[in-house]
Protein backbone atom coordinates (compact mmCIF):
# COMPACT_ATOMS: atom_id res chain seq x y z
CA MET A 1 0.03 0.15 0.03
CA VAL A 2 0.99 3.43 -0.86
CA GLU A 3 2.81 5.17 2.14
CA HIS A 4 1.78 8.78 3.47
CA ALA A 5 -1.69 8.33 1.37
CA GLU A 6 -3.55 10.00 4.03
CA TYR A 7 -5.89 12.91 3.04
CA THR A 8 -9.74 13.53 3.92
CA VAL A 9 -12.19 14.01 1.41
CA PRO A 10 -15.19 15.88 2.50
CA PRO A 11 -18.72 14.65 1.72
CA GLU A 12 -19.76 17.30 -0.33
CA GLN A 13 -16.63 16.39 -2.87
CA VAL A 14 -18.23 12.97 -3.45
CA ALA A 15 -20.11 13.62 -6.88
CA LYS A 16 -23.35 11.86 -6.41
CA GLU A 17 -24.80 13.26 -10.10
CA PRO A 18 -22.79 14.32 -13.53
CA VAL A 19 -22.34 17.62 -14.28
CA GLU A 20 -25.00 17.33 -17.09
CA ALA A 21 -27.40 17.54 -14.08
CA ARG A 22 -26.43 21.44 -13.84
CA GLY A 23 -26.81 21.80 -17.60
CA ALA A 24 -23.03 21.60 -18.61
CA GLN A 25 -21.67 19.13 -20.71
CA ARG A 26 -19.57 15.87 -19.83
CA SER A 27 -16.34 17.42 -21.18
CA ASP A 28 -16.71 20.69 -18.66
CA SER A 29 -15.63 18.85 -15.60
CA ARG A 30 -12.17 19.55 -14.48
CA LEU A 31 -8.94 17.84 -15.18
CA VAL A 32 -5.46 18.36 -13.00
CA VAL A 33 -2.36 17.83 -15.20
CA VAL A 34 0.32 16.06 -12.97
CA ARG A 35 3.74 16.06 -14.73
CA ARG A 36 6.04 13.03 -13.46
CA ALA A 37 9.12 14.60 -14.52
CA ASP A 38 9.02 17.42 -12.09
CA GLY A 39 5.86 17.12 -10.17
CA ALA A 40 4.42 20.39 -11.76
CA VAL A 41 0.69 20.38 -11.81
CA ARG A 42 -1.95 22.27 -13.89
CA HIS A 43 -5.44 23.26 -13.38
CA ARG A 44 -7.58 22.92 -16.76
CA ARG A 45 -10.89 21.69 -17.87
CA PHE A 46 -11.29 18.18 -19.38
CA HIS A 47 -12.08 20.08 -22.84
CA GLU A 48 -9.10 21.10 -22.83
CA ILE A 49 -7.28 17.66 -22.87
CA ASP A 50 -6.66 18.28 -26.43
CA GLU A 51 -3.88 20.68 -25.93
CA GLU A 52 -2.12 18.12 -23.65
CA LEU A 53 -1.91 15.04 -26.14
CA ARG A 54 0.37 15.53 -29.05
CA PRO A 55 0.16 14.34 -32.81
CA GLY A 56 1.13 10.72 -33.04
CA ASP A 57 -0.15 9.89 -29.63
CA VAL A 58 -2.43 7.12 -29.19
CA LEU A 59 -5.48 7.17 -27.00
CA VAL A 60 -6.58 3.97 -25.51
CA LEU A 61 -10.49 3.38 -24.30
CA ASN A 62 -12.25 0.39 -22.71
CA ASN A 63 -15.44 0.35 -25.21
CA SER A 64 -17.63 -2.06 -22.72
CA ARG A 65 -20.95 -0.86 -22.37
CA VAL A 66 -22.58 -1.18 -18.91
CA LEU A 67 -26.02 -3.30 -18.63
CA PRO A 68 -28.36 -3.75 -16.32
CA SER A 69 -27.13 -7.13 -14.60
CA VAL A 70 -29.16 -7.77 -11.35
CA LEU A 71 -31.44 -10.10 -11.67
CA ARG A 72 -34.09 -11.04 -8.86
CA GLY A 73 -35.80 -14.37 -8.98
CA LEU A 74 -36.82 -18.05 -7.69
CA ASP A 75 -34.70 -21.28 -7.82
CA GLY A 76 -36.58 -24.87 -8.60
CA ALA A 77 -37.94 -24.80 -4.77
CA GLY A 78 -39.52 -21.29 -5.01
CA ARG A 79 -36.66 -19.77 -2.98
CA PRO A 80 -35.63 -16.23 -3.54
CA VAL A 81 -32.07 -15.49 -5.26
CA VAL A 82 -29.92 -12.46 -7.01
CA VAL A 83 -27.94 -13.03 -9.42
CA GLN A 84 -25.58 -10.92 -11.10
CA VAL A 85 -24.36 -11.43 -15.15
CA TYR A 86 -21.70 -10.05 -16.87
CA SER A 87 -19.31 -10.87 -19.86
CA PRO A 88 -21.29 -12.39 -22.26
CA MET A 89 -19.85 -15.16 -24.22
CA ALA A 90 -19.40 -16.04 -28.08
CA ASP A 91 -21.77 -19.48 -27.13
CA GLY A 92 -24.34 -17.01 -25.70
CA SER A 93 -23.82 -17.89 -21.98
CA TRP A 94 -22.83 -15.52 -19.15
CA HIS A 95 -20.79 -15.43 -16.22
CA ALA A 96 -22.69 -15.13 -13.01
CA GLN A 97 -22.47 -14.77 -9.40
CA VAL A 98 -25.34 -16.24 -7.24
CA VAL A 99 -26.19 -15.06 -3.86
CA ALA A 100 -29.12 -17.22 -2.03
CA THR A 101 -30.26 -18.66 1.22
CA GLU A 102 -28.99 -22.14 0.11
CA PRO A 103 -24.98 -22.43 -0.11
CA ASP A 104 -24.98 -25.32 -2.60
CA ARG A 105 -25.32 -25.11 -6.55
CA ARG A 106 -25.38 -27.29 -9.03
CA ALA A 107 -24.96 -27.47 -12.91
CA GLY A 108 -28.35 -27.68 -14.60
CA GLU A 109 -29.96 -25.73 -11.65
CA GLU A 110 -32.70 -23.48 -13.29
CA PHE A 111 -34.04 -19.75 -11.72
CA ALA A 112 -36.94 -17.82 -12.82
CA PHE A 113 -36.47 -14.17 -13.16
CA ASP A 114 -39.00 -11.56 -12.78
CA GLY A 115 -42.27 -13.92 -12.95
CA GLY A 116 -40.73 -16.00 -15.48
CA ARG A 117 -39.84 -13.57 -18.19
CA MET A 118 -36.42 -14.82 -18.48
CA THR A 119 -34.88 -18.01 -17.27
CA GLY A 120 -31.20 -19.02 -16.39
CA ARG A 121 -29.45 -22.58 -16.15
CA LEU A 122 -26.44 -23.43 -14.80
CA LEU A 123 -23.87 -24.78 -17.00
CA HIS A 124 -20.82 -25.07 -14.74
CA SER A 125 -18.66 -23.37 -12.36
CA GLU A 126 -15.71 -20.96 -14.19
CA GLU A 127 -14.12 -20.47 -11.13
CA PRO A 128 -14.76 -20.15 -7.18
CA GLY A 129 -17.94 -18.12 -7.02
CA VAL A 130 -18.22 -17.39 -10.47
CA TRP A 131 -20.81 -19.69 -12.85
CA ARG A 132 -21.45 -20.10 -16.29
CA MET A 133 -25.31 -19.52 -16.83
CA LEU A 134 -27.29 -19.71 -20.01
CA LEU A 135 -30.41 -16.89 -19.96
CA SER A 136 -33.58 -17.13 -22.02
CA PRO A 137 -33.81 -14.72 -23.84
CA PRO A 138 -29.97 -14.71 -24.45
CA GLU A 139 -29.54 -11.25 -25.91
CA PRO A 140 -28.53 -8.70 -23.85
CA GLU A 141 -30.82 -6.48 -24.82
CA ALA A 142 -33.47 -8.89 -22.93
CA LEU A 143 -31.64 -7.81 -19.79
CA GLU A 144 -32.81 -3.74 -20.22
CA LYS A 145 -36.41 -5.26 -19.69
CA VAL A 146 -35.80 -7.57 -16.61
CA ALA A 147 -32.48 -6.65 -14.99
CA THR A 148 -31.63 -3.63 -12.58
CA LEU A 149 -28.82 -1.53 -12.56
CA PHE A 150 -25.65 -2.45 -10.28
CA TYR A 151 -24.68 0.83 -9.19
CA PRO A 152 -21.71 2.17 -6.71
CA HIS A 153 -23.69 2.63 -3.07
CA TYR A 154 -22.49 6.10 -2.51
CA LEU A 155 -24.78 7.55 -5.34
CA GLY A 156 -27.73 6.74 -3.23
CA SER A 157 -29.83 5.88 -5.88
CA ALA A 158 -29.73 4.23 -9.64
CA PRO A 159 -28.34 6.88 -11.95
CA ARG A 160 -29.96 7.72 -15.34
CA PRO A 161 -28.95 4.78 -17.96
CA GLU A 162 -27.44 7.54 -20.37
CA HIS A 163 -25.53 9.19 -17.94
CA TYR A 164 -24.24 5.93 -16.38
CA GLN A 165 -22.56 5.22 -19.88
CA ASN A 166 -19.50 6.15 -22.06
CA VAL A 167 -20.41 7.89 -25.41
CA TYR A 168 -18.07 5.36 -27.28
CA ALA A 169 -19.54 2.13 -25.37
CA SER A 170 -20.53 -0.24 -28.01
CA ARG A 171 -19.37 -4.27 -26.44
CA PRO A 172 -22.24 -4.89 -23.89
CA GLY A 173 -21.09 -6.89 -20.77
CA GLY A 174 -19.83 -4.66 -17.88
CA ILE A 175 -21.73 -4.11 -14.64
CA MET A 176 -20.05 -1.02 -13.83
CA LEU A 177 -18.84 2.35 -15.75
CA PRO A 178 -15.05 2.05 -16.62
CA SER A 179 -15.58 5.56 -15.72
CA ALA A 180 -12.02 7.68 -16.52
CA GLY A 181 -13.70 8.11 -20.14
CA ARG A 182 -16.96 9.36 -19.01
CA HIS A 183 -15.47 12.92 -19.91
CA PHE A 184 -15.27 12.42 -23.30
CA THR A 185 -17.87 13.83 -26.00
CA LEU A 186 -18.10 12.66 -29.66
CA ALA A 187 -16.95 16.24 -30.55
CA LEU A 188 -14.06 16.04 -28.25
CA LEU A 189 -13.17 13.04 -29.85
CA ARG A 190 -13.22 14.00 -33.09
CA ARG A 191 -10.89 17.19 -32.07
CA LEU A 192 -8.47 14.48 -30.72
CA ALA A 193 -8.63 13.03 -34.45
CA GLU A 194 -7.88 16.33 -36.05
CA ARG A 195 -5.39 16.87 -33.97
CA GLY A 196 -3.33 13.49 -34.75
CA VAL A 197 -4.31 11.60 -31.95
CA ALA A 198 -5.40 8.13 -32.73
CA VAL A 199 -7.91 5.99 -30.54
CA ALA A 200 -7.72 2.45 -30.17
CA GLU A 201 -10.16 0.20 -28.22
CA LEU A 202 -9.96 -2.75 -26.22
CA THR A 203 -12.89 -4.41 -23.71
CA LEU A 204 -12.63 -5.25 -20.36
CA ASP A 205 -15.91 -6.06 -18.65
CA ILE A 206 -15.87 -5.01 -15.11
CA GLY A 207 -17.02 -7.77 -12.79
CA VAL A 208 -16.29 -7.02 -9.28
CA LYS A 209 -16.76 -10.00 -6.97
CA TRP A 210 -17.00 -7.58 -4.08
CA GLY A 211 -20.42 -6.97 -5.19
CA VAL A 212 -22.00 -10.21 -4.11
CA VAL A 213 -22.11 -8.23 -0.40
CA ARG A 214 -24.26 -5.81 -2.23
CA LEU A 215 -26.56 -8.39 -3.81
CA ALA A 216 -27.16 -10.30 -0.37
CA GLY A 217 -28.23 -6.96 0.88
CA TRP A 218 -30.49 -6.53 -1.90
CA LEU A 219 -31.69 -10.28 -1.26
CA ARG A 220 -32.67 -9.20 2.45
CA GLU A 221 -34.60 -6.25 1.17
CA THR A 222 -36.47 -7.64 -1.33
CA ALA A 223 -37.29 -10.82 -0.39
CA GLY A 224 -37.17 -10.68 3.51
CA VAL A 225 -34.26 -13.04 3.60
CA THR A 226 -32.17 -12.60 7.14
CA GLU A 227 -28.93 -14.33 6.13
CA PRO A 228 -28.42 -15.12 2.73
CA VAL A 229 -25.50 -17.11 2.05
CA LEU A 230 -22.71 -15.69 0.08
CA PRO A 231 -19.96 -17.62 -2.27
CA ALA A 232 -17.36 -19.15 -0.69
CA ASP A 233 -14.38 -17.31 -1.80
CA THR A 234 -16.11 -13.85 -0.28
CA ALA A 235 -13.30 -13.35 1.96
CA ARG A 236 -10.95 -10.72 0.17
CA THR A 237 -7.63 -11.73 -0.53
CA ALA A 238 -5.27 -9.01 -2.29
CA ALA A 239 -7.98 -6.38 -1.36
CA ASP A 240 -7.23 -2.80 -0.45
CA GLU A 241 -8.13 -1.37 2.78
CA ARG A 242 -11.87 -0.64 1.95
CA GLY A 243 -12.06 -4.25 0.99
CA ASN A 244 -12.14 -3.54 -2.65
CA PHE A 245 -10.20 -5.77 -5.32
CA PRO A 246 -10.08 -5.90 -8.88
CA GLY A 247 -10.95 -9.60 -9.08
CA CYS A 248 -10.80 -12.08 -12.39
CA GLU A 249 -12.26 -10.06 -15.43
CA HIS A 250 -12.38 -10.94 -18.91
CA TYR A 251 -10.54 -8.78 -21.50
CA GLU A 252 -10.39 -8.89 -25.27
CA VAL A 253 -7.69 -7.05 -27.50
CA PRO A 254 -8.17 -6.83 -30.98
CA ILE A 255 -5.50 -7.19 -33.19
CA GLU A 256 -6.09 -3.49 -34.88
CA THR A 257 -5.67 -2.39 -31.62
CA ALA A 258 -2.50 -4.26 -30.84
CA ASP A 259 -0.99 -2.99 -34.16
CA LEU A 260 -1.83 0.46 -33.76
CA ILE A 261 -0.62 0.98 -30.25
CA ASN A 262 2.66 -0.80 -31.49
CA ALA A 263 2.75 1.36 -34.62
CA ARG A 264 2.37 4.76 -32.81
CA ARG A 265 4.66 3.68 -30.10
CA ARG A 266 7.37 2.80 -32.81
CA ALA A 267 7.00 6.10 -34.12
CA GLY A 268 7.72 8.14 -30.87
CA GLY A 269 4.16 8.69 -30.25
CA ARG A 270 2.86 8.11 -26.59
CA VAL A 271 0.40 5.51 -25.47
CA VAL A 272 -2.18 7.33 -23.47
CA VAL A 273 -4.01 4.79 -21.11
CA CYS A 274 -7.72 5.92 -20.26
CA GLY A 275 -8.39 4.30 -16.75
CA THR A 276 -7.41 1.37 -14.57
CA THR A 277 -9.38 -1.08 -16.60
CA VAL A 278 -7.47 -0.49 -19.72
CA MET A 279 -3.93 -0.18 -17.63
CA ARG A 280 -4.84 -3.85 -16.20
CA THR A 281 -5.24 -4.82 -19.56
CA LEU A 282 -2.51 -3.51 -21.50
CA GLU A 283 -0.04 -4.76 -18.61
CA THR A 284 -1.13 -7.91 -18.76
CA VAL A 285 -0.79 -8.24 -22.52
CA THR A 286 2.58 -6.12 -23.26
CA ASP A 287 5.54 -8.01 -23.10
CA GLU A 288 9.22 -6.80 -21.92
CA ASP A 289 10.15 -5.26 -24.77
CA GLY A 290 6.92 -3.13 -24.58
CA ARG A 291 4.91 -4.68 -27.63
CA VAL A 292 1.26 -5.27 -26.95
CA TRP A 293 -0.12 -8.71 -27.90
CA PRO A 294 -3.71 -9.23 -29.12
CA GLY A 295 -6.06 -11.92 -27.60
CA ASP A 296 -8.39 -12.45 -24.99
CA GLY A 297 -8.53 -13.87 -21.77
CA TRP A 298 -8.71 -13.47 -17.87
CA THR A 299 -6.65 -11.01 -15.85
CA ARG A 300 -6.26 -10.84 -11.80
CA LEU A 301 -3.52 -8.18 -12.16
CA ILE A 302 -2.94 -5.97 -9.15
CA ILE A 303 -0.42 -3.39 -9.47
CA SER A 304 2.04 -2.76 -6.54
CA PRO A 305 3.97 0.02 -5.75
CA GLU A 306 6.93 -2.00 -7.17
CA HIS A 307 5.58 -2.62 -10.27
CA ARG A 308 7.46 -1.72 -13.76
CA PHE A 309 5.21 -0.27 -16.28
CA ARG A 310 5.33 -1.90 -19.96
CA SER A 311 2.63 0.39 -21.87
CA CYS A 312 1.81 3.51 -20.69
CA ASP A 313 2.97 6.49 -21.16
CA ALA A 314 0.47 8.87 -20.31
CA PHE A 315 -2.25 7.79 -17.50
CA LEU A 316 -6.10 9.37 -17.60
CA THR A 317 -7.53 8.41 -14.34
CA ASN A 318 -10.40 9.81 -11.87
CA LEU A 319 -9.92 10.84 -8.79
CA HIS A 320 -9.82 8.28 -5.79
CA MET A 321 -10.21 7.94 -2.28
CA PRO A 322 -7.26 7.30 -0.22
CA ARG A 323 -6.10 4.04 1.09
CA SER A 324 -7.92 2.40 -2.50
CA SER A 325 -6.40 0.06 -4.70
CA GLU A 326 -7.02 2.70 -7.78
CA LEU A 327 -4.85 5.24 -5.67
CA GLN A 328 -2.07 2.64 -5.41
CA LEU A 329 -1.90 1.84 -9.16
CA THR A 330 -1.87 5.52 -9.74
CA SER A 331 0.70 5.92 -7.15
CA SER A 332 2.75 3.50 -8.73
CA LEU A 333 3.13 5.13 -11.72
CA VAL A 334 4.06 8.97 -10.45
CA GLY A 335 6.35 7.17 -7.82
CA GLY A 336 6.83 7.99 -4.24
CA ALA A 337 4.74 9.71 -1.94
CA ARG A 338 4.06 12.66 -4.24
CA LEU A 339 0.96 11.69 -5.40
CA PRO A 340 -0.88 11.84 -2.29
CA GLU A 341 0.66 15.16 -1.53
CA VAL A 342 -1.17 16.16 -4.79
CA TYR A 343 -4.33 15.12 -3.55
CA ARG A 344 -3.72 16.95 0.03
CA THR A 345 -2.41 20.22 -1.74
CA GLU A 346 -3.71 20.80 -4.96
CA ILE A 347 -7.26 18.35 -5.48
CA VAL A 348 -8.91 18.61 -1.86
CA PRO A 349 -8.22 22.37 -1.12
CA ASN A 350 -9.60 23.11 -4.83
CA GLY A 351 -12.94 21.40 -4.80
CA TYR A 352 -12.20 18.72 -6.94
CA ARG A 353 -15.17 16.11 -7.08
CA PHE A 354 -14.27 12.30 -6.43
CA TYR A 355 -15.53 9.41 -8.34
CA GLU A 356 -16.96 8.62 -11.59
CA PHE A 357 -19.31 11.57 -12.01
CA GLY A 358 -16.59 14.01 -10.40
CA ASP A 359 -13.23 15.20 -12.03
CA SER A 360 -9.93 13.88 -13.68
CA MET A 361 -6.58 13.29 -13.53
CA LEU A 362 -3.97 13.37 -16.44
CA ILE A 363 -0.50 11.99 -15.62
CA VAL A 364 2.17 13.03 -18.05
């Protein structure tokens, strides 16, 4: 964990609604720019990010599209269950976490959701606590009518779907927003292209395992269940001090994305990583020589202070709480205790807003 990472975030600086709710555009949020070479700090608006990027750079985005993912229903014995689905696969199945009153699950078990409007059948255990499930109807669009959105607890209530989505999102499967890219508008992305900044896309579907605790709470609320049984692996090894950890998440890096990143870097351009999900994916698929390899798979990568970055020249991220895994990752890139000091002296005193509906940071 990052040393000297203490700073206090006032409750009013935790953003519970986006800037659009106040009549502004996404790109009107604030941006703090931190230069690694000397620690210099600049304060900007996000729509000025094109002035910080150079012709020849490549901006790498996570195109995962957030889906309503929480299904409430009954098992074959009529007992209440809450299921969260994410990362659809080529065979039409989904990954699923199941919270119920009975601990034992078995392949072939069936559930009925929303009065039978959708059904699910467990195919096999993918890993401890995660099942492959076949839904009927199987299309991602069907979830829009049956499932509910999984949203961060600090928002208090479900956000409007159009606010909890990136403008370039195209691949359905994530349960939460890859939020570092939320500040981009289509107009801003066009300006970057006109400046000579390429955009490359990959996919990492966020499927956080600590979400089972939230699912258990919903099972209590909606079904009157006093003690839901959590999956056996709910113990949070490798967790940060807030009890969160990235978990094992599915990624896909297309060959055209790998080729574009490699070509831009060979030509002297910078790889600008947008968000921790993109960072974890690229660090998973980049070799010791800095070459990005295409493919798909699963990553459990947790970036520690000792990590040697291979894929990143500049990093765009949101503002993070002290002692979080996201702060650890970001501080590892900057080095030492400099970044927490920026939070203490520049970010918190200047009223920057935190989390996905808040402001952001660019490290160059």
